[in-house]
Amino acid sequence: MNAAYSQIRAQIQAAAHHAGRNPDEITLIAVSKNQSPEAVAELYQLGHRDFGENYVQELTSKASALKALGCADIRWHFIGHLQTNKVKQLIGLVDTIHTVDSLRLAQEIKRRRPLSVKTCVTDAVLHLFLQVNIDREESKDGALPEETPALAAQIASLPGIALQGLMAIPAQDHPDRAFAALRNLEIQCRPHTQGKLSMGMSADFSLAIAQGATHIRVGTALFGKFKRR
């Protein structure tokens, strides 16, 4: 894993420099879905702290297991579809939720947040991304592009919440165009968003960095195809 981690870091550096960007602006989220706590701990020992999970139950159990292994300062990112009835399980564990796709969900996060504010990983503010269905795919969640600026304004007005920016999972056939579209849409949402873009995965994160990604979500390229279950 050391070699894979070093290679990904080198690719991030190269993509950032090619785009005239500071690589320190880019957060690498290691997607640890279906990986064992021991695999996460191995990457943690290399100095990595940002990990992403797709399922609430897996995140909560893995967070507990990692804490028992001495990995207490992980910044957990939730990157899967989130139902309102699961929100309460995440509050106090996650630093950032990347998949807010409705005002109702954001309001539930705001409602639950004060109950566990003293146990938040970083501070009293919970960081959110607004998920956008940038390619209008029926199989994917997210707000439609034309709905996004107004929805961003509504979410950003909620107390105790910091709307960082926009997130998308583009169609595989033209990710570069989708990344550019999300970048332009985020600019339209300011000042309700803060210039952040959660986009890019193992196969296309260099393209995403070229279009302004600040958070990239990489799993297979780091951990390989090993599945815990």
Protein backbone atom coordinates (compact mmCIF):
# COMPACT_ATOMS: atom_id res chain seq x y z
CA MET A 1 0.00 0.00 0.00
CA ASN A 2 2.93 2.32 0.64
CA ALA A 3 3.85 2.23 -3.06
CA ALA A 4 0.26 2.84 -4.20
CA TYR A 5 -0.13 5.73 -1.77
CA SER A 6 3.13 7.31 -2.92
CA GLN A 7 2.08 6.90 -6.56
CA ILE A 8 -1.30 8.56 -6.01
CA ARG A 9 0.36 11.43 -4.14
CA ALA A 10 2.79 11.86 -7.02
CA GLN A 11 -0.05 11.90 -9.55
CA ILE A 12 -1.88 14.55 -7.51
CA GLN A 13 1.28 16.67 -7.43
CA ALA A 14 1.78 16.31 -11.17
CA ALA A 15 -1.84 17.09 -12.05
CA ALA A 16 -1.89 20.12 -9.76
CA HIS A 17 1.36 21.52 -11.12
CA HIS A 18 0.18 20.96 -14.70
CA ALA A 19 -2.96 22.96 -13.90
CA GLY A 20 -0.99 25.70 -12.16
CA ARG A 21 -2.48 24.82 -8.79
CA ASN A 22 -1.12 24.25 -5.32
CA PRO A 23 -1.38 20.50 -4.53
CA ASP A 24 -1.95 21.37 -0.87
CA GLU A 25 -5.40 22.65 -1.94
CA ILE A 26 -6.47 19.10 -2.82
CA THR A 27 -7.81 16.71 -0.21
CA LEU A 28 -7.34 13.03 -1.00
CA ILE A 29 -10.24 11.04 0.45
CA ALA A 30 -9.26 7.39 0.74
CA VAL A 31 -12.46 5.47 0.01
CA SER A 32 -12.33 2.56 2.44
CA LYS A 33 -15.68 0.96 1.57
CA ASN A 34 -15.49 -2.82 2.11
CA GLN A 35 -11.93 -2.56 3.38
CA SER A 36 -10.95 -3.94 6.77
CA PRO A 37 -10.12 -1.67 9.72
CA GLU A 38 -6.59 -3.07 9.52
CA ALA A 39 -6.23 -1.86 5.93
CA VAL A 40 -7.40 1.59 6.98
CA ALA A 41 -4.99 1.55 9.92
CA GLU A 42 -2.13 0.71 7.56
CA LEU A 43 -2.82 3.82 5.50
CA TYR A 44 -3.31 5.82 8.70
CA GLN A 45 0.19 4.83 9.81
CA LEU A 46 1.51 6.42 6.62
CA GLY A 47 0.10 9.72 7.85
CA HIS A 48 -3.21 9.77 6.01
CA ARG A 49 -6.26 11.10 7.87
CA ASP A 50 -9.15 11.61 5.41
CA PHE A 51 -11.25 8.49 4.76
CA GLY A 52 -14.59 8.08 3.00
CA GLU A 53 -17.39 5.59 3.51
CA ASN A 54 -20.55 4.92 1.50
CA TYR A 55 -22.71 3.18 4.09
CA VAL A 56 -23.77 4.47 7.50
CA GLN A 57 -23.51 1.15 9.32
CA GLU A 58 -20.07 0.43 7.92
CA LEU A 59 -18.80 3.88 8.86
CA THR A 60 -20.06 3.68 12.43
CA SER A 61 -18.66 0.20 13.06
CA LYS A 62 -15.37 0.98 11.36
CA ALA A 63 -14.95 4.24 13.26
CA SER A 64 -15.32 2.33 16.52
CA ALA A 65 -12.85 -0.34 15.40
CA LEU A 66 -10.29 2.23 14.27
CA LYS A 67 -10.56 4.12 17.52
CA ALA A 68 -9.78 0.87 19.36
CA LEU A 69 -6.71 0.48 17.12
CA GLY A 70 -5.47 3.91 18.22
CA CYS A 71 -6.52 5.79 15.07
CA ALA A 72 -8.48 8.42 16.93
CA ASP A 73 -8.12 11.52 14.75
CA ILE A 74 -9.48 10.26 11.43
CA ARG A 75 -11.56 12.78 9.48
CA TRP A 76 -14.48 10.71 8.19
CA HIS A 77 -16.24 11.77 4.99
CA PHE A 78 -19.62 10.29 4.17
CA ILE A 79 -19.87 9.89 0.40
CA GLY A 80 -22.87 7.58 -0.13
CA HIS A 81 -26.58 8.16 -0.46
CA LEU A 82 -27.94 9.34 2.89
CA GLN A 83 -31.50 8.81 4.12
CA THR A 84 -32.90 11.25 6.65
CA ASN A 85 -33.55 8.48 9.18
CA LYS A 86 -29.83 7.61 9.22
CA VAL A 87 -28.56 11.12 9.87
CA LYS A 88 -28.51 10.81 13.66
CA GLN A 89 -26.04 7.92 13.43
CA LEU A 90 -23.49 10.06 11.61
CA ILE A 91 -23.59 13.24 13.64
CA GLY A 92 -20.62 13.37 15.95
CA LEU A 93 -18.60 10.97 13.79
CA VAL A 94 -18.23 12.66 10.42
CA ASP A 95 -16.37 15.78 9.48
CA THR A 96 -18.02 16.18 6.08
CA ILE A 97 -21.13 14.88 4.29
CA HIS A 98 -20.68 15.03 0.52
CA THR A 99 -24.10 13.84 -0.61
CA VAL A 100 -26.70 16.35 0.54
CA ASP A 101 -29.26 16.44 -2.25
CA SER A 102 -32.30 18.16 -0.75
CA LEU A 103 -33.29 20.89 1.66
CA ARG A 104 -35.15 18.30 3.74
CA LEU A 105 -31.97 16.32 4.29
CA ALA A 106 -29.98 19.44 5.16
CA GLN A 107 -32.66 20.48 7.65
CA GLU A 108 -32.52 17.07 9.31
CA ILE A 109 -28.73 17.37 9.58
CA LYS A 110 -29.15 20.80 11.14
CA ARG A 111 -31.81 19.47 13.52
CA ARG A 112 -29.64 16.59 14.69
CA ARG A 113 -26.33 18.45 14.81
CA PRO A 114 -26.77 20.28 18.16
CA LEU A 115 -27.42 16.98 19.96
CA SER A 116 -23.83 15.84 19.50
CA VAL A 117 -21.99 19.08 18.81
CA LYS A 118 -19.45 18.52 21.62
CA THR A 119 -18.27 15.29 20.00
CA CYS A 120 -17.78 16.60 16.47
CA VAL A 121 -14.48 15.62 14.93
CA THR A 122 -13.29 19.14 14.15
CA ASP A 123 -15.51 21.90 15.50
CA ALA A 124 -19.11 22.98 15.96
CA VAL A 125 -19.66 23.41 12.23
CA LEU A 126 -20.53 20.44 10.05
CA HIS A 127 -19.21 20.63 6.51
CA LEU A 128 -21.53 19.74 3.64
CA PHE A 129 -21.41 19.41 -0.11
CA LEU A 130 -24.50 19.73 -2.29
CA GLN A 131 -24.69 16.76 -4.65
CA VAL A 132 -25.61 17.63 -8.24
CA ASN A 133 -26.86 15.23 -10.91
CA ILE A 134 -24.70 17.04 -13.40
CA ASP A 135 -25.47 14.71 -16.32
CA ARG A 136 -29.17 14.27 -15.47
CA GLU A 137 -28.89 10.49 -15.15
CA GLU A 138 -32.00 8.74 -13.89
CA SER A 139 -29.92 6.24 -11.94
CA LYS A 140 -28.12 8.90 -9.87
CA ASP A 141 -29.09 11.10 -6.96
CA GLY A 142 -28.55 14.83 -6.77
CA ALA A 143 -30.18 18.15 -7.47
CA LEU A 144 -30.66 19.17 -11.09
CA PRO A 145 -28.26 21.89 -12.24
CA GLU A 146 -30.99 24.52 -12.65
CA GLU A 147 -32.19 23.89 -9.08
CA THR A 148 -28.77 24.09 -7.54
CA PRO A 149 -28.14 27.84 -6.97
CA ALA A 150 -31.45 28.37 -5.12
CA LEU A 151 -31.00 25.17 -3.11
CA ALA A 152 -27.46 26.19 -2.19
CA ALA A 153 -28.74 29.50 -0.85
CA GLN A 154 -31.35 27.73 1.28
CA ILE A 155 -28.90 25.21 2.72
CA ALA A 156 -26.22 27.82 3.41
CA SER A 157 -28.69 29.80 5.50
CA LEU A 158 -29.03 26.98 8.05
CA PRO A 159 -27.10 27.67 11.28
CA GLY A 160 -24.19 25.44 12.27
CA ILE A 161 -23.66 24.25 8.69
CA ALA A 162 -20.87 25.20 6.29
CA LEU A 163 -21.79 24.54 2.68
CA GLN A 164 -18.38 23.94 1.15
CA GLY A 165 -19.38 23.54 -2.46
CA LEU A 166 -20.72 21.02 -4.96
CA MET A 167 -20.22 17.29 -5.49
CA ALA A 168 -20.93 15.13 -8.53
CA ILE A 169 -20.35 11.68 -9.97
CA PRO A 170 -20.29 12.26 -13.74
CA ALA A 171 -21.19 9.88 -16.51
CA GLN A 172 -18.20 7.79 -17.57
CA ASP A 173 -18.19 8.84 -21.21
CA HIS A 174 -17.32 12.53 -20.77
CA PRO A 175 -16.15 13.29 -17.22
CA ASP A 176 -14.03 16.28 -18.26
CA ARG A 177 -17.10 18.13 -19.58
CA ALA A 178 -19.06 17.29 -16.45
CA PHE A 179 -16.24 18.50 -14.21
CA ALA A 180 -16.10 21.79 -16.10
CA ALA A 181 -19.87 22.18 -15.84
CA LEU A 182 -19.79 21.58 -12.09
CA ARG A 183 -16.99 24.11 -11.69
CA ASN A 184 -19.00 26.76 -13.53
CA LEU A 185 -22.13 25.91 -11.55
CA GLU A 186 -20.28 26.29 -8.26
CA ILE A 187 -19.22 29.79 -9.28
CA GLN A 188 -22.89 30.63 -9.86
CA CYS A 189 -23.69 29.46 -6.31
CA ARG A 190 -21.29 31.82 -4.56
CA PRO A 191 -21.21 33.33 -1.97
CA HIS A 192 -23.38 30.50 -0.60
CA THR A 193 -20.63 28.02 -1.49
CA GLN A 194 -16.97 28.35 -0.62
CA GLY A 195 -15.23 27.36 -3.83
CA LYS A 196 -14.92 23.63 -3.06
CA LEU A 197 -15.54 20.83 -5.55
CA SER A 198 -15.83 17.15 -4.58
CA MET A 199 -15.26 15.33 -7.86
CA GLY A 200 -12.92 12.80 -9.38
CA MET A 201 -12.26 9.15 -8.53
CA SER A 202 -9.54 6.57 -9.24
CA ALA A 203 -9.93 6.63 -13.03
CA ASP A 204 -10.36 10.35 -13.60
CA PHE A 205 -9.06 12.39 -10.67
CA SER A 206 -6.32 14.04 -12.76
CA LEU A 207 -9.01 15.40 -15.10
CA ALA A 208 -10.97 16.60 -12.07
CA ILE A 209 -7.94 18.38 -10.63
CA ALA A 210 -7.45 20.16 -13.96
CA GLN A 211 -11.03 21.48 -13.63
CA GLY A 212 -10.62 22.65 -10.02
CA ALA A 213 -11.38 19.65 -7.79
CA THR A 214 -10.52 20.29 -4.15
CA HIS A 215 -11.63 16.87 -2.86
CA ILE A 216 -10.99 13.67 -4.81
CA ARG A 217 -12.36 10.26 -3.81
CA VAL A 218 -9.93 7.40 -4.49
CA GLY A 219 -10.49 3.80 -3.47
CA THR A 220 -9.38 1.08 -5.89
CA ALA A 221 -6.16 2.83 -6.86
CA LEU A 222 -5.17 2.93 -3.19
CA PHE A 223 -6.51 -0.32 -1.75
CA GLY A 224 -6.78 -2.47 -4.85
CA LYS A 225 -9.84 -4.63 -5.49
CA PHE A 226 -9.66 -6.54 -2.22
CA LYS A 227 -13.06 -6.83 -0.57
CA ARG A 228 -13.50 -7.50 3.10
CA ARG A 229 -16.83 -9.26 2.57
